[in-house]
Amino acid sequence: MEILHRADGHPSRLGILPGTFNPVTVAHLALAQAALTRVEQVLFVLPRAFPHKEYAGALFEDRVAMLRAALGGHPAFSLAVSQRGLFVEIASECRHWYGPEVALSFLCGRDAAERAAGWDYGHPGAWAEMLRQFDLLVAARGGEYQPPAGLPSAIHGLELTGEFDRVSATEVRQRVARGQPWEHLVPPAVRQRVKEIYG
């Protein structure tokens, strides 16, 4: 993991928000902001490789630049690049940088939580084992997340202020391509970059 920007201090609980950020949206920032009621800092993580999709769209360097602009020096937000994309891999990299005592909470929407829980990790019970290393803060997205039986103690709901069900990077890209309004879906600081990259 390469830390590109690190907030001051040493959090006892760190929120981790991994994503493709293709592009970063207002929903990403709302998720991170909401998590600050549960964690002390949020680390945005852009993996160099994704477990569930190919790299397409914005270049890696463009995504880093958009994230830097969107985070805008927020005192509790940090930014890093990871080598791999699975939660357990990112957690291991975070412990190297933040220490073995830090508690880790991954931030995601319902759809991402379902993908992570349903991924084939190579052996039965792997997901439950991982949830002993970190927990999840899950925001509703097209409905509330229903965790698998036996795991609810490691999975917690996260309430967002505002309606973000229809906010996604895919929606941004599609609206740009169709010539429809999209500016309200991304942070003001990245609107020009989004127009240049996807337009």
C-alpha atoms as a PDB file:
ATOM      1  CA  MET A   1       0.000   0.000   0.000  1.00  0.00           C
ATOM      2  CA  GLU A   2       1.122   3.505  -0.809  1.00  0.00           C
ATOM      3  CA  ILE A   3      -0.279   6.279   1.365  1.00  0.00           C
ATOM      4  CA  LEU A   4      -0.787   9.354  -0.816  1.00  0.00           C
ATOM      5  CA  HIS A   5      -2.224  11.522   1.942  1.00  0.00           C
ATOM      6  CA  ARG A   6      -2.628  10.707   5.620  1.00  0.00           C
ATOM      7  CA  ALA A   7      -4.750  12.618   8.099  1.00  0.00           C
ATOM      8  CA  ASP A   8      -3.019  13.705  11.280  1.00  0.00           C
ATOM      9  CA  GLY A   9      -3.189  11.521  14.368  1.00  0.00           C
ATOM     10  CA  HIS A  10      -3.428   7.827  15.138  1.00  0.00           C
ATOM     11  CA  PRO A  11      -7.035   6.580  15.021  1.00  0.00           C
ATOM     12  CA  SER A  12      -8.138   3.753  17.265  1.00  0.00           C
ATOM     13  CA  ARG A  13     -10.836   2.900  14.700  1.00  0.00           C
ATOM     14  CA  LEU A  14     -10.263   3.453  10.996  1.00  0.00           C
ATOM     15  CA  GLY A  15     -12.936   3.461   8.323  1.00  0.00           C
ATOM     16  CA  ILE A  16     -11.817   2.060   4.966  1.00  0.00           C
ATOM     17  CA  LEU A  17     -13.623   2.972   1.762  1.00  0.00           C
ATOM     18  CA  PRO A  18     -12.271   0.981  -1.203  1.00  0.00           C
ATOM     19  CA  GLY A  19     -13.667   1.597  -4.637  1.00  0.00           C
ATOM     20  CA  THR A  20     -13.099   1.939  -8.351  1.00  0.00           C
ATOM     21  CA  PHE A  21     -13.963   5.665  -8.177  1.00  0.00           C
ATOM     22  CA  ASN A  22     -14.749   5.783 -11.898  1.00  0.00           C
ATOM     23  CA  PRO A  23     -15.532   8.610 -11.068  1.00  0.00           C
ATOM     24  CA  VAL A  24     -15.780   9.547  -7.392  1.00  0.00           C
ATOM     25  CA  THR A  25     -19.370  10.602  -6.565  1.00  0.00           C
ATOM     26  CA  VAL A  26     -21.223  12.566  -3.913  1.00  0.00           C
ATOM     27  CA  ALA A  27     -22.395   9.200  -2.521  1.00  0.00           C
ATOM     28  CA  HIS A  28     -18.788   8.192  -1.770  1.00  0.00           C
ATOM     29  CA  LEU A  29     -18.273  11.390   0.214  1.00  0.00           C
ATOM     30  CA  ALA A  30     -21.619  11.041   1.999  1.00  0.00           C
ATOM     31  CA  LEU A  31     -20.724   7.487   3.030  1.00  0.00           C
ATOM     32  CA  ALA A  32     -17.371   8.635   4.430  1.00  0.00           C
ATOM     33  CA  GLN A  33     -18.925  11.597   6.225  1.00  0.00           C
ATOM     34  CA  ALA A  34     -21.632   9.429   7.802  1.00  0.00           C
ATOM     35  CA  ALA A  35     -19.010   6.939   8.985  1.00  0.00           C
ATOM     36  CA  LEU A  36     -17.281   9.630  11.057  1.00  0.00           C
ATOM     37  CA  THR A  37     -19.973   9.058  13.690  1.00  0.00           C
ATOM     38  CA  ARG A  38     -18.460   5.561  14.175  1.00  0.00           C
ATOM     39  CA  VAL A  39     -14.798   5.917  13.177  1.00  0.00           C
ATOM     40  CA  GLU A  40     -12.175   8.612  13.722  1.00  0.00           C
ATOM     41  CA  GLN A  41     -10.753   8.728  10.205  1.00  0.00           C
ATOM     42  CA  VAL A  42     -11.668   7.389   6.774  1.00  0.00           C
ATOM     43  CA  LEU A  43      -9.099   6.007   4.342  1.00  0.00           C
ATOM     44  CA  PHE A  44     -10.172   6.048   0.676  1.00  0.00           C
ATOM     45  CA  VAL A  45      -8.433   3.146  -1.075  1.00  0.00           C
ATOM     46  CA  LEU A  46      -8.001   2.791  -4.829  1.00  0.00           C
ATOM     47  CA  PRO A  47      -6.787  -0.735  -5.699  1.00  0.00           C
ATOM     48  CA  ARG A  48      -4.479  -1.237  -8.650  1.00  0.00           C
ATOM     49  CA  ALA A  49      -6.387  -4.459  -9.416  1.00  0.00           C
ATOM     50  CA  PHE A  50     -10.046  -5.260  -8.766  1.00  0.00           C
ATOM     51  CA  PRO A  51     -11.317  -8.738  -7.860  1.00  0.00           C
ATOM     52  CA  HIS A  52     -14.699  -8.326  -9.573  1.00  0.00           C
ATOM     53  CA  LYS A  53     -14.163  -6.123 -12.640  1.00  0.00           C
ATOM     54  CA  GLU A  54     -11.665  -5.072 -15.267  1.00  0.00           C
ATOM     55  CA  TYR A  55      -9.982  -1.670 -15.351  1.00  0.00           C
ATOM     56  CA  ALA A  56     -11.940   0.440 -17.858  1.00  0.00           C
ATOM     57  CA  GLY A  57     -12.893   4.076 -18.178  1.00  0.00           C
ATOM     58  CA  ALA A  58     -10.695   6.630 -16.458  1.00  0.00           C
ATOM     59  CA  LEU A  59      -6.992   5.914 -16.224  1.00  0.00           C
ATOM     60  CA  PHE A  60      -5.563   5.036 -12.832  1.00  0.00           C
ATOM     61  CA  GLU A  61      -3.788   8.410 -12.649  1.00  0.00           C
ATOM     62  CA  ASP A  62      -7.034  10.235 -13.459  1.00  0.00           C
ATOM     63  CA  ARG A  63      -8.833   8.473 -10.625  1.00  0.00           C
ATOM     64  CA  VAL A  64      -6.104   9.419  -8.174  1.00  0.00           C
ATOM     65  CA  ALA A  65      -6.301  13.033  -9.312  1.00  0.00           C
ATOM     66  CA  MET A  66     -10.091  13.104  -8.937  1.00  0.00           C
ATOM     67  CA  LEU A  67      -9.877  11.620  -5.448  1.00  0.00           C
ATOM     68  CA  ARG A  68      -7.252  14.159  -4.383  1.00  0.00           C
ATOM     69  CA  ALA A  69      -9.483  16.983  -5.609  1.00  0.00           C
ATOM     70  CA  ALA A  70     -12.673  15.549  -4.083  1.00  0.00           C
ATOM     71  CA  LEU A  71     -11.163  14.989  -0.636  1.00  0.00           C
ATOM     72  CA  GLY A  72      -9.866  18.534  -0.665  1.00  0.00           C
ATOM     73  CA  GLY A  73      -7.780  18.350   2.482  1.00  0.00           C
ATOM     74  CA  HIS A  74     -10.631  17.131   4.736  1.00  0.00           C
ATOM     75  CA  PRO A  75      -8.948  16.732   8.136  1.00  0.00           C
ATOM     76  CA  ALA A  76     -10.297  13.216   8.735  1.00  0.00           C
ATOM     77  CA  PHE A  77      -9.897  11.796   5.200  1.00  0.00           C
ATOM     78  CA  SER A  78      -6.821   9.975   3.897  1.00  0.00           C
ATOM     79  CA  LEU A  79      -5.997   8.485   0.500  1.00  0.00           C
ATOM     80  CA  ALA A  80      -4.049   5.353  -0.418  1.00  0.00           C
ATOM     81  CA  VAL A  81      -3.343   3.025  -3.312  1.00  0.00           C
ATOM     82  CA  SER A  82      -3.399  -0.723  -2.627  1.00  0.00           C
ATOM     83  CA  GLN A  83      -1.869  -3.531  -4.669  1.00  0.00           C
ATOM     84  CA  ARG A  84      -4.873  -5.860  -4.378  1.00  0.00           C
ATOM     85  CA  GLY A  85      -8.604  -5.373  -4.039  1.00  0.00           C
ATOM     86  CA  LEU A  86     -10.089  -7.917  -1.592  1.00  0.00           C
ATOM     87  CA  PHE A  87     -11.126  -6.525   1.792  1.00  0.00           C
ATOM     88  CA  VAL A  88      -8.869  -8.950   3.651  1.00  0.00           C
ATOM     89  CA  GLU A  89      -5.881  -7.924   1.513  1.00  0.00           C
ATOM     90  CA  ILE A  90      -6.555  -4.226   2.083  1.00  0.00           C
ATOM     91  CA  ALA A  91      -6.998  -4.852   5.818  1.00  0.00           C
ATOM     92  CA  SER A  92      -3.577  -6.475   6.004  1.00  0.00           C
ATOM     93  CA  GLU A  93      -1.987  -3.531   4.212  1.00  0.00           C
ATOM     94  CA  CYS A  94      -3.759  -1.067   6.542  1.00  0.00           C
ATOM     95  CA  ARG A  95      -2.481  -2.834   9.661  1.00  0.00           C
ATOM     96  CA  HIS A  96       1.057  -2.460   8.326  1.00  0.00           C
ATOM     97  CA  TRP A  97       0.607   1.318   8.161  1.00  0.00           C
ATOM     98  CA  TYR A  98      -1.699   1.955  11.113  1.00  0.00           C
ATOM     99  CA  GLY A  99      -0.519  -0.742  13.510  1.00  0.00           C
ATOM    100  CA  PRO A 100      -1.944  -4.069  14.669  1.00  0.00           C
ATOM    101  CA  GLU A 101      -4.132  -2.518  17.378  1.00  0.00           C
ATOM    102  CA  VAL A 102      -6.292  -0.348  15.118  1.00  0.00           C
ATOM    103  CA  ALA A 103      -9.891  -1.518  14.691  1.00  0.00           C
ATOM    104  CA  LEU A 104     -10.945  -1.612  11.036  1.00  0.00           C
ATOM    105  CA  SER A 105     -14.391  -0.938   9.581  1.00  0.00           C
ATOM    106  CA  PHE A 106     -15.013  -1.266   5.852  1.00  0.00           C
ATOM    107  CA  LEU A 107     -17.583   1.149   4.436  1.00  0.00           C
ATOM    108  CA  CYS A 108     -19.818   0.075   1.575  1.00  0.00           C
ATOM    109  CA  GLY A 109     -23.294   0.041   0.139  1.00  0.00           C
ATOM    110  CA  ARG A 110     -25.624  -2.951   0.140  1.00  0.00           C
ATOM    111  CA  ASP A 111     -24.540  -4.030  -3.348  1.00  0.00           C
ATOM    112  CA  ALA A 112     -20.833  -4.079  -2.439  1.00  0.00           C
ATOM    113  CA  ALA A 113     -21.544  -5.947   0.818  1.00  0.00           C
ATOM    114  CA  GLU A 114     -23.438  -8.631  -1.103  1.00  0.00           C
ATOM    115  CA  ARG A 115     -20.581  -8.985  -3.601  1.00  0.00           C
ATOM    116  CA  ALA A 116     -18.021  -9.352  -0.812  1.00  0.00           C
ATOM    117  CA  ALA A 117     -20.123 -11.903   1.074  1.00  0.00           C
ATOM    118  CA  GLY A 118     -20.786 -13.956  -2.076  1.00  0.00           C
ATOM    119  CA  TRP A 119     -17.234 -13.998  -3.424  1.00  0.00           C
ATOM    120  CA  ASP A 120     -15.531 -17.387  -3.725  1.00  0.00           C
ATOM    121  CA  TYR A 121     -12.553 -17.113  -1.352  1.00  0.00           C
ATOM    122  CA  GLY A 122     -11.450 -20.701  -1.897  1.00  0.00           C
ATOM    123  CA  HIS A 123     -12.922 -22.445   1.140  1.00  0.00           C
ATOM    124  CA  PRO A 124     -16.186 -22.487   3.122  1.00  0.00           C
ATOM    125  CA  GLY A 125     -16.340 -20.114   6.068  1.00  0.00           C
ATOM    126  CA  ALA A 126     -13.660 -17.777   4.711  1.00  0.00           C
ATOM    127  CA  TRP A 127     -15.926 -14.723   4.833  1.00  0.00           C
ATOM    128  CA  ALA A 128     -16.861 -15.374   8.476  1.00  0.00           C
ATOM    129  CA  GLU A 129     -13.161 -15.728   9.323  1.00  0.00           C
ATOM    130  CA  MET A 130     -12.423 -12.374   7.698  1.00  0.00           C
ATOM    131  CA  LEU A 131     -15.143 -10.666   9.707  1.00  0.00           C
ATOM    132  CA  ARG A 132     -13.173 -11.479  12.845  1.00  0.00           C
ATOM    133  CA  GLN A 133     -10.462  -9.152  11.496  1.00  0.00           C
ATOM    134  CA  PHE A 134     -12.751  -6.242  10.588  1.00  0.00           C
ATOM    135  CA  ASP A 135     -16.403  -5.260  10.539  1.00  0.00           C
ATOM    136  CA  LEU A 136     -18.653  -3.665   7.931  1.00  0.00           C
ATOM    137  CA  LEU A 137     -20.629  -0.432   8.015  1.00  0.00           C
ATOM    138  CA  VAL A 138     -23.248  -0.857   5.290  1.00  0.00           C
ATOM    139  CA  ALA A 139     -25.477   1.858   3.850  1.00  0.00           C
ATOM    140  CA  ALA A 140     -28.833   0.961   2.336  1.00  0.00           C
ATOM    141  CA  ARG A 141     -28.767   0.996  -1.468  1.00  0.00           C
ATOM    142  CA  GLY A 142     -31.902  -0.158  -3.185  1.00  0.00           C
ATOM    143  CA  GLY A 143     -32.947  -1.706   0.132  1.00  0.00           C
ATOM    144  CA  GLU A 144     -31.409  -2.663   3.450  1.00  0.00           C
ATOM    145  CA  TYR A 145     -28.635  -5.248   3.571  1.00  0.00           C
ATOM    146  CA  GLN A 146     -29.605  -8.588   5.080  1.00  0.00           C
ATOM    147  CA  PRO A 147     -26.415 -10.248   6.381  1.00  0.00           C
ATOM    148  CA  PRO A 148     -25.976 -14.013   6.194  1.00  0.00           C
ATOM    149  CA  ALA A 149     -27.060 -15.939   9.297  1.00  0.00           C
ATOM    150  CA  GLY A 150     -24.515 -15.883  12.091  1.00  0.00           C
ATOM    151  CA  LEU A 151     -22.740 -12.684  11.016  1.00  0.00           C
ATOM    152  CA  PRO A 152     -24.888  -9.749  12.200  1.00  0.00           C
ATOM    153  CA  SER A 153     -22.532  -8.819  15.070  1.00  0.00           C
ATOM    154  CA  ALA A 154     -19.858  -7.882  12.528  1.00  0.00           C
ATOM    155  CA  ILE A 155     -22.171  -5.986  10.169  1.00  0.00           C
ATOM    156  CA  HIS A 156     -23.817  -2.695  11.083  1.00  0.00           C
ATOM    157  CA  GLY A 157     -26.131  -0.364   9.238  1.00  0.00           C
ATOM    158  CA  LEU A 158     -24.963   3.129   8.354  1.00  0.00           C
ATOM    159  CA  GLU A 159     -27.568   5.818   7.796  1.00  0.00           C
ATOM    160  CA  LEU A 160     -26.852   8.477   5.196  1.00  0.00           C
ATOM    161  CA  THR A 161     -28.287  11.969   5.263  1.00  0.00           C
ATOM    162  CA  GLY A 162     -29.908  12.307   1.855  1.00  0.00           C
ATOM    163  CA  GLU A 163     -31.107  10.073  -0.977  1.00  0.00           C
ATOM    164  CA  PHE A 164     -28.294   8.297  -2.801  1.00  0.00           C
ATOM    165  CA  ASP A 165     -29.923   5.165  -4.246  1.00  0.00           C
ATOM    166  CA  ARG A 166     -29.645   6.525  -7.782  1.00  0.00           C
ATOM    167  CA  VAL A 167     -26.146   7.944  -7.385  1.00  0.00           C
ATOM    168  CA  SER A 168     -23.441   5.776  -8.913  1.00  0.00           C
ATOM    169  CA  ALA A 169     -20.356   6.127 -11.063  1.00  0.00           C
ATOM    170  CA  THR A 170     -22.164   4.128 -13.766  1.00  0.00           C
ATOM    171  CA  GLU A 171     -25.021   6.631 -13.728  1.00  0.00           C
ATOM    172  CA  VAL A 172     -22.552   9.506 -14.081  1.00  0.00           C
ATOM    173  CA  ARG A 173     -20.866   7.915 -17.094  1.00  0.00           C
ATOM    174  CA  GLN A 174     -24.175   7.074 -18.758  1.00  0.00           C
ATOM    175  CA  ARG A 175     -25.546  10.577 -18.236  1.00  0.00           C
ATOM    176  CA  VAL A 176     -22.407  12.153 -19.650  1.00  0.00           C
ATOM    177  CA  ALA A 177     -22.635   9.879 -22.704  1.00  0.00           C
ATOM    178  CA  ARG A 178     -26.333  10.712 -23.235  1.00  0.00           C
ATOM    179  CA  GLY A 179     -25.852  14.451 -22.756  1.00  0.00           C
ATOM    180  CA  GLN A 180     -28.074  14.473 -19.656  1.00  0.00           C
ATOM    181  CA  PRO A 181     -27.399  16.498 -16.474  1.00  0.00           C
ATOM    182  CA  TRP A 182     -24.798  14.738 -14.325  1.00  0.00           C
ATOM    183  CA  GLU A 183     -23.049  17.516 -12.425  1.00  0.00           C
ATOM    184  CA  HIS A 184     -25.138  17.044  -9.263  1.00  0.00           C
ATOM    185  CA  LEU A 185     -23.829  13.468  -8.918  1.00  0.00           C
ATOM    186  CA  VAL A 186     -20.162  14.386  -8.423  1.00  0.00           C
ATOM    187  CA  PRO A 187     -18.363  16.746  -6.028  1.00  0.00           C
ATOM    188  CA  PRO A 188     -17.970  20.280  -7.436  1.00  0.00           C
ATOM    189  CA  ALA A 189     -14.174  19.996  -7.262  1.00  0.00           C
ATOM    190  CA  VAL A 190     -14.102  17.211  -9.880  1.00  0.00           C
ATOM    191  CA  ARG A 191     -16.771  18.370 -12.332  1.00  0.00           C
ATOM    192  CA  GLN A 192     -14.323  19.819 -14.849  1.00  0.00           C
ATOM    193  CA  ARG A 193     -12.150  16.698 -14.702  1.00  0.00           C
ATOM    194  CA  VAL A 194     -15.176  14.439 -15.171  1.00  0.00           C
ATOM    195  CA  LYS A 195     -16.238  16.461 -18.203  1.00  0.00           C
ATOM    196  CA  GLU A 196     -12.753  16.170 -19.718  1.00  0.00           C
ATOM    197  CA  ILE A 197     -12.283  12.457 -18.967  1.00  0.00           C
ATOM    198  CA  TYR A 198     -15.721  11.062 -19.798  1.00  0.00           C
ATOM    199  CA  GLY A 199     -17.045  13.679 -22.218  1.00  0.00           C
END
